[in-house]
Amino acid sequence: MSRVWFITGASSGFGRAVAEAAVAAGDVVIGAARRTGALDGFVAAHPKQVQALRMDVTDLAAVDTAVQDVLAWHGRIDVLVNNAGRTHVGAVEETTDAELRALFDLHVFGPAALVRAVLPHMRQRGSGAIVQMSSVGGQLSAPGFGAYSATKFALEGMSEALAAEVRQFGIKVLIVEPGAFRTELFDGGRAGHSRDLGVYTRTVGETRRMIAEGDGSQAGDPAKAAALILAALDADAGHTPLRLPLGDDAVTGVLGHLDQVRGDVAGWEKRARATGFDDA
């Protein structure tokens, strides 16, 4: 039986790549986006498999309505892909409350609402999969990415708990951590930027230059990433990873970060362990 996918941010980037891979596998895709015009050609090419749905994931009331509509149309949602997102660059000092809240609405509260909306149905059926599109920035951070990484760290913490909670119901959770892929994430018209105070040129300035000059030259191929996401979901029970870093840069970065964390803990381990009450 073909699966029914509900993919947010499906008009471009990873969302579109995963949608195309699902269609190639014979599945049905509901592609959600704020502006669905970019999906017109995709829908026209696959009218029996692809349906566009206008939805803003930060509109929590619309999220519930959208999920109920999809269930009414297709009877089930087999895979939810929380993909909608954007990057943001700015030092922590430069980032305003409004900018930070907007990112959390998009990367945390929206996905959380979608998870809550689909879970009762998935639990009842005893199957399903939730794909959380995080980032290598959900495992480590860098100057200029403090706000962006904060949201991805939050998404990963929530998803790790979620995976342990829903495993008993036959539901998989997959956290995807891409590095630099040739998507529109670094597009100047899409990336958010905090006001430059001019005092972080040696740190955040390098990140700003990387964003400005790196768009279109990233090493990662979204189609290959999408194929691996499908392969991970299709793995036998117990073999779908909780986290899937994608790209040579992401794998290297995550492994290096884990080594750094281990080094920090080991260096202070004896004293850290000795902070309990003497009679404990």
Protein backbone atom coordinates (compact mmCIF):
# COMPACT_ATOMS: atom_id res chain seq x y z
CA MET A 1 0.00 0.00 0.00
CA SER A 2 1.30 3.44 -0.89
CA ARG A 3 2.03 5.77 2.01
CA VAL A 4 0.50 9.19 2.57
CA TRP A 5 3.09 11.88 3.31
CA PHE A 6 2.33 15.28 4.84
CA ILE A 7 5.33 17.51 4.14
CA THR A 8 5.63 21.13 5.27
CA GLY A 9 7.77 23.56 3.33
CA ALA A 10 7.29 21.29 0.32
CA SER A 11 7.69 23.94 -2.36
CA SER A 12 11.49 23.93 -2.33
CA GLY A 13 14.66 22.56 -0.77
CA PHE A 14 14.53 19.38 1.27
CA GLY A 15 10.75 19.43 1.36
CA ARG A 16 10.53 19.30 -2.41
CA ALA A 17 13.32 16.70 -2.66
CA VAL A 18 11.62 14.39 -0.16
CA ALA A 19 8.28 14.89 -1.91
CA GLU A 20 9.81 13.92 -5.25
CA ALA A 21 11.45 10.84 -3.74
CA ALA A 22 8.15 9.77 -2.15
CA VAL A 23 6.31 10.19 -5.44
CA ALA A 24 8.99 8.17 -7.24
CA ALA A 25 8.38 5.42 -4.68
CA GLY A 26 4.70 5.40 -5.63
CA ASP A 27 3.45 7.25 -2.57
CA VAL A 28 0.96 10.09 -2.13
CA VAL A 29 2.19 13.53 -1.03
CA ILE A 30 0.33 16.44 0.48
CA GLY A 31 2.73 19.31 0.10
CA ALA A 32 2.05 22.17 2.49
CA ALA A 33 3.46 25.63 1.86
CA ARG A 34 2.61 29.26 2.51
CA ARG A 35 2.75 29.92 -1.22
CA THR A 36 1.65 26.91 -3.23
CA GLY A 37 2.26 28.38 -6.68
CA ALA A 38 5.73 26.82 -6.77
CA LEU A 39 4.05 23.41 -6.54
CA ASP A 40 1.75 23.89 -9.54
CA GLY A 41 4.05 22.13 -12.00
CA PHE A 42 4.69 19.26 -9.60
CA VAL A 43 0.96 18.77 -9.02
CA ALA A 44 0.24 18.94 -12.75
CA ALA A 45 2.88 16.30 -13.47
CA HIS A 46 1.53 13.93 -10.79
CA PRO A 47 -2.17 14.78 -10.34
CA LYS A 48 -3.01 11.44 -8.70
CA GLN A 49 -0.13 11.54 -6.23
CA VAL A 50 0.48 15.18 -5.29
CA GLN A 51 -1.80 17.69 -3.66
CA ALA A 52 -0.82 21.20 -2.62
CA LEU A 53 -2.12 22.63 0.62
CA ARG A 54 -1.77 26.27 1.61
CA MET A 55 -0.70 26.40 5.24
CA ASP A 56 1.50 28.51 7.51
CA VAL A 57 2.95 26.29 10.25
CA THR A 58 3.03 29.24 12.64
CA ASP A 59 -0.77 29.50 12.41
CA LEU A 60 -1.59 26.88 15.03
CA ALA A 61 -5.33 26.93 14.37
CA ALA A 62 -4.69 26.27 10.69
CA VAL A 63 -2.45 23.31 11.60
CA ASP A 64 -5.29 21.38 13.23
CA THR A 65 -7.63 22.15 10.35
CA ALA A 66 -5.06 21.03 7.78
CA VAL A 67 -4.44 17.70 9.50
CA GLN A 68 -8.16 17.01 9.78
CA ASP A 69 -8.62 17.88 6.09
CA VAL A 70 -5.87 15.46 5.05
CA LEU A 71 -7.37 12.70 7.17
CA ALA A 72 -10.77 13.36 5.61
CA TRP A 73 -9.30 13.20 2.09
CA HIS A 74 -7.01 10.20 2.47
CA GLY A 75 -8.01 8.44 5.67
CA ARG A 76 -4.52 8.45 7.13
CA ILE A 77 -1.16 10.18 7.43
CA ASP A 78 1.69 7.70 7.36
CA VAL A 79 4.62 10.11 7.43
CA LEU A 80 4.76 13.66 8.78
CA VAL A 81 7.79 15.66 7.66
CA ASN A 82 8.31 18.84 9.67
CA ASN A 83 10.51 20.64 7.17
CA ALA A 84 9.35 24.25 6.95
CA GLY A 85 12.09 26.59 8.11
CA ARG A 86 14.63 29.28 7.34
CA THR A 87 18.05 30.30 8.50
CA HIS A 88 18.91 33.36 10.54
CA VAL A 89 22.23 35.07 11.06
CA GLY A 90 23.13 37.40 13.88
CA ALA A 91 25.17 37.54 17.07
CA VAL A 92 23.25 36.71 20.24
CA GLU A 93 23.58 40.35 21.29
CA GLU A 94 22.22 41.48 17.93
CA THR A 95 19.20 39.18 17.91
CA THR A 96 15.94 40.77 19.07
CA ASP A 97 13.22 39.08 21.09
CA ALA A 98 10.90 39.32 18.09
CA GLU A 99 13.41 37.60 15.81
CA LEU A 100 14.04 34.84 18.33
CA ARG A 101 10.34 34.25 18.98
CA ALA A 102 9.59 34.11 15.25
CA LEU A 103 12.20 31.39 14.79
CA PHE A 104 10.83 29.37 17.70
CA ASP A 105 7.32 29.69 16.28
CA LEU A 106 8.55 28.28 12.96
CA HIS A 107 11.01 25.62 14.11
CA VAL A 108 9.54 24.47 17.45
CA PHE A 109 5.94 25.49 18.15
CA GLY A 110 4.71 24.77 14.62
CA PRO A 111 6.25 21.27 14.48
CA ALA A 112 5.02 20.56 18.02
CA ALA A 113 1.47 21.46 16.99
CA LEU A 114 1.66 19.20 13.95
CA VAL A 115 2.98 16.32 16.05
CA ARG A 116 0.13 16.75 18.52
CA ALA A 117 -2.37 16.82 15.67
CA VAL A 118 -1.19 13.63 13.92
CA LEU A 119 -0.32 11.48 16.93
CA PRO A 120 -3.84 10.42 17.99
CA HIS A 121 -4.42 9.04 14.49
CA MET A 122 -1.02 7.32 14.31
CA ARG A 123 -1.46 5.80 17.77
CA GLN A 124 -4.86 4.45 16.80
CA ARG A 125 -3.42 2.81 13.69
CA GLY A 126 -0.34 1.54 15.51
CA SER A 127 2.06 2.88 12.91
CA GLY A 128 3.53 6.04 11.46
CA ALA A 129 6.69 8.06 11.16
CA ILE A 130 7.63 11.61 12.12
CA VAL A 131 10.60 13.19 10.38
CA GLN A 132 12.00 16.27 12.11
CA MET A 133 14.20 18.28 9.78
CA SER A 134 16.81 19.67 12.12
CA SER A 135 20.35 20.63 11.11
CA VAL A 136 23.95 20.01 12.02
CA GLY A 137 23.18 23.21 13.94
CA GLY A 138 20.96 21.11 16.17
CA GLN A 139 24.07 19.37 17.54
CA LEU A 140 26.59 22.21 17.54
CA SER A 141 26.60 25.94 17.00
CA ALA A 142 28.82 28.67 15.59
CA PRO A 143 29.07 32.46 15.72
CA GLY A 144 26.02 34.02 14.12
CA PHE A 145 23.87 30.92 14.38
CA GLY A 146 22.94 31.19 18.06
CA ALA A 147 19.23 31.83 17.50
CA TYR A 148 18.92 29.30 14.68
CA SER A 149 20.74 26.61 16.65
CA ALA A 150 18.70 27.37 19.77
CA THR A 151 15.54 26.39 17.91
CA LYS A 152 17.11 23.25 16.44
CA PHE A 153 18.53 22.19 19.81
CA ALA A 154 15.00 22.60 21.22
CA LEU A 155 13.47 20.60 18.37
CA GLU A 156 15.98 17.79 18.92
CA GLY A 157 15.43 17.67 22.68
CA MET A 158 11.68 17.46 22.19
CA SER A 159 12.07 14.84 19.46
CA GLU A 160 14.36 12.63 21.53
CA ALA A 161 11.74 12.45 24.25
CA LEU A 162 9.01 11.98 21.65
CA ALA A 163 10.81 8.99 20.13
CA ALA A 164 10.92 7.22 23.49
CA GLU A 165 7.26 8.02 24.16
CA VAL A 166 5.78 6.79 20.88
CA ARG A 167 8.00 3.78 20.13
CA GLN A 168 5.53 1.57 22.03
CA PHE A 169 2.84 2.52 19.51
CA GLY A 170 4.88 1.48 16.48
CA ILE A 171 5.72 5.08 15.52
CA LYS A 172 9.20 6.03 14.34
CA VAL A 173 10.90 9.39 14.90
CA LEU A 174 13.80 10.42 12.68
CA ILE A 175 15.81 13.58 13.35
CA VAL A 176 17.62 14.71 10.19
CA GLU A 177 20.73 16.88 10.58
CA PRO A 178 21.89 18.23 7.20
CA GLY A 179 25.04 20.18 6.67
CA ALA A 180 25.42 22.54 3.71
CA PHE A 181 23.15 21.41 0.88
CA ARG A 182 22.26 23.16 -2.35
CA THR A 183 18.85 24.37 -1.22
CA GLU A 184 17.47 27.89 -0.85
CA LEU A 185 18.41 28.09 2.84
CA PHE A 186 21.19 30.59 2.19
CA ASP A 187 19.20 32.56 -0.38
CA GLY A 188 19.56 36.22 0.48
CA GLY A 189 15.85 36.78 0.08
CA ARG A 190 14.95 33.98 2.48
CA ALA A 191 17.61 34.13 5.18
CA GLY A 192 16.90 36.31 8.18
CA HIS A 193 19.52 38.79 9.36
CA SER A 194 19.79 40.69 12.62
CA ARG A 195 21.03 44.26 12.56
CA ASP A 196 24.82 44.28 12.36
CA LEU A 197 26.27 46.19 15.33
CA GLY A 198 29.69 46.20 13.68
CA VAL A 199 31.48 44.70 16.69
CA TYR A 200 31.48 41.02 15.69
CA THR A 201 33.20 41.29 12.32
CA ARG A 202 35.87 38.68 13.15
CA THR A 203 33.29 36.06 14.17
CA VAL A 204 29.76 36.67 12.94
CA GLY A 205 31.18 38.63 10.03
CA GLU A 206 32.74 35.43 8.69
CA THR A 207 29.37 33.70 8.92
CA ARG A 208 27.65 36.54 7.10
CA ARG A 209 30.20 36.31 4.29
CA MET A 210 29.77 32.54 4.11
CA ILE A 211 26.01 32.94 3.75
CA ALA A 212 26.34 35.68 1.13
CA GLU A 213 28.93 33.87 -0.97
CA GLY A 214 28.03 30.21 -0.42
CA ASP A 215 24.56 30.01 -1.93
CA GLY A 216 24.53 27.69 -4.93
CA SER A 217 27.94 26.14 -4.29
CA GLN A 218 27.10 23.85 -1.36
CA ALA A 219 28.40 20.31 -1.76
CA GLY A 220 25.24 18.53 -0.61
CA ASP A 221 22.77 17.08 -3.13
CA PRO A 222 19.17 17.27 -1.79
CA ALA A 223 18.04 14.37 -4.00
CA LYS A 224 20.66 12.04 -2.50
CA ALA A 225 19.71 13.25 0.98
CA ALA A 226 16.04 12.53 0.32
CA ALA A 227 16.87 9.02 -0.90
CA LEU A 228 18.75 8.32 2.33
CA ILE A 229 15.88 9.66 4.45
CA LEU A 230 13.50 7.23 2.75
CA ALA A 231 16.00 4.40 3.21
CA ALA A 232 16.33 5.20 6.93
CA LEU A 233 12.55 5.18 7.36
CA ASP A 234 12.27 1.89 5.47
CA ALA A 235 14.89 0.17 7.64
CA ASP A 236 13.69 -2.75 9.71
CA ALA A 237 12.33 -2.04 13.18
CA GLY A 238 15.13 -1.00 15.50
CA HIS A 239 17.44 0.02 12.67
CA THR A 240 16.00 3.44 11.84
CA PRO A 241 18.41 5.83 13.57
CA LEU A 242 17.15 8.51 15.91
CA ARG A 243 19.58 10.99 14.34
CA LEU A 244 20.76 11.08 10.74
CA PRO A 245 23.47 13.67 9.95
CA LEU A 246 23.67 14.29 6.22
CA GLY A 247 26.73 15.34 4.25
CA ASP A 248 30.44 14.94 4.84
CA ASP A 249 30.57 18.26 6.68
CA ALA A 250 27.73 17.32 9.02
CA VAL A 251 29.15 13.90 9.86
CA THR A 252 32.60 15.36 10.51
CA GLY A 253 31.16 18.21 12.54
CA VAL A 254 28.94 16.05 14.73
CA LEU A 255 31.67 13.49 15.43
CA GLY A 256 34.15 16.25 16.24
CA HIS A 257 31.65 17.92 18.55
CA LEU A 258 31.01 14.66 20.37
CA ASP A 259 34.77 14.28 20.89
CA GLN A 260 34.91 17.82 22.27
CA VAL A 261 32.05 17.18 24.68
CA ARG A 262 33.64 13.94 25.83
CA GLY A 263 36.92 15.75 26.38
CA ASP A 264 35.24 18.46 28.45
CA VAL A 265 33.43 15.91 30.60
CA ALA A 266 36.47 13.65 31.05
CA GLY A 267 38.72 16.55 31.98
CA TRP A 268 36.50 17.54 34.88
CA GLU A 269 34.91 14.16 35.57
CA LYS A 270 36.47 13.43 38.96
CA ARG A 271 35.63 16.84 40.42
CA ALA A 272 32.17 16.86 38.80
CA ARG A 273 31.33 13.50 40.34
CA ALA A 274 32.44 14.72 43.77
CA THR A 275 29.79 17.44 44.09
CA GLY A 276 27.35 15.33 46.07
CA PHE A 277 26.70 15.43 49.83
CA ASP A 278 29.34 13.50 51.77
CA ASP A 279 26.70 11.18 53.23
CA ALA A 280 25.01 10.47 49.89
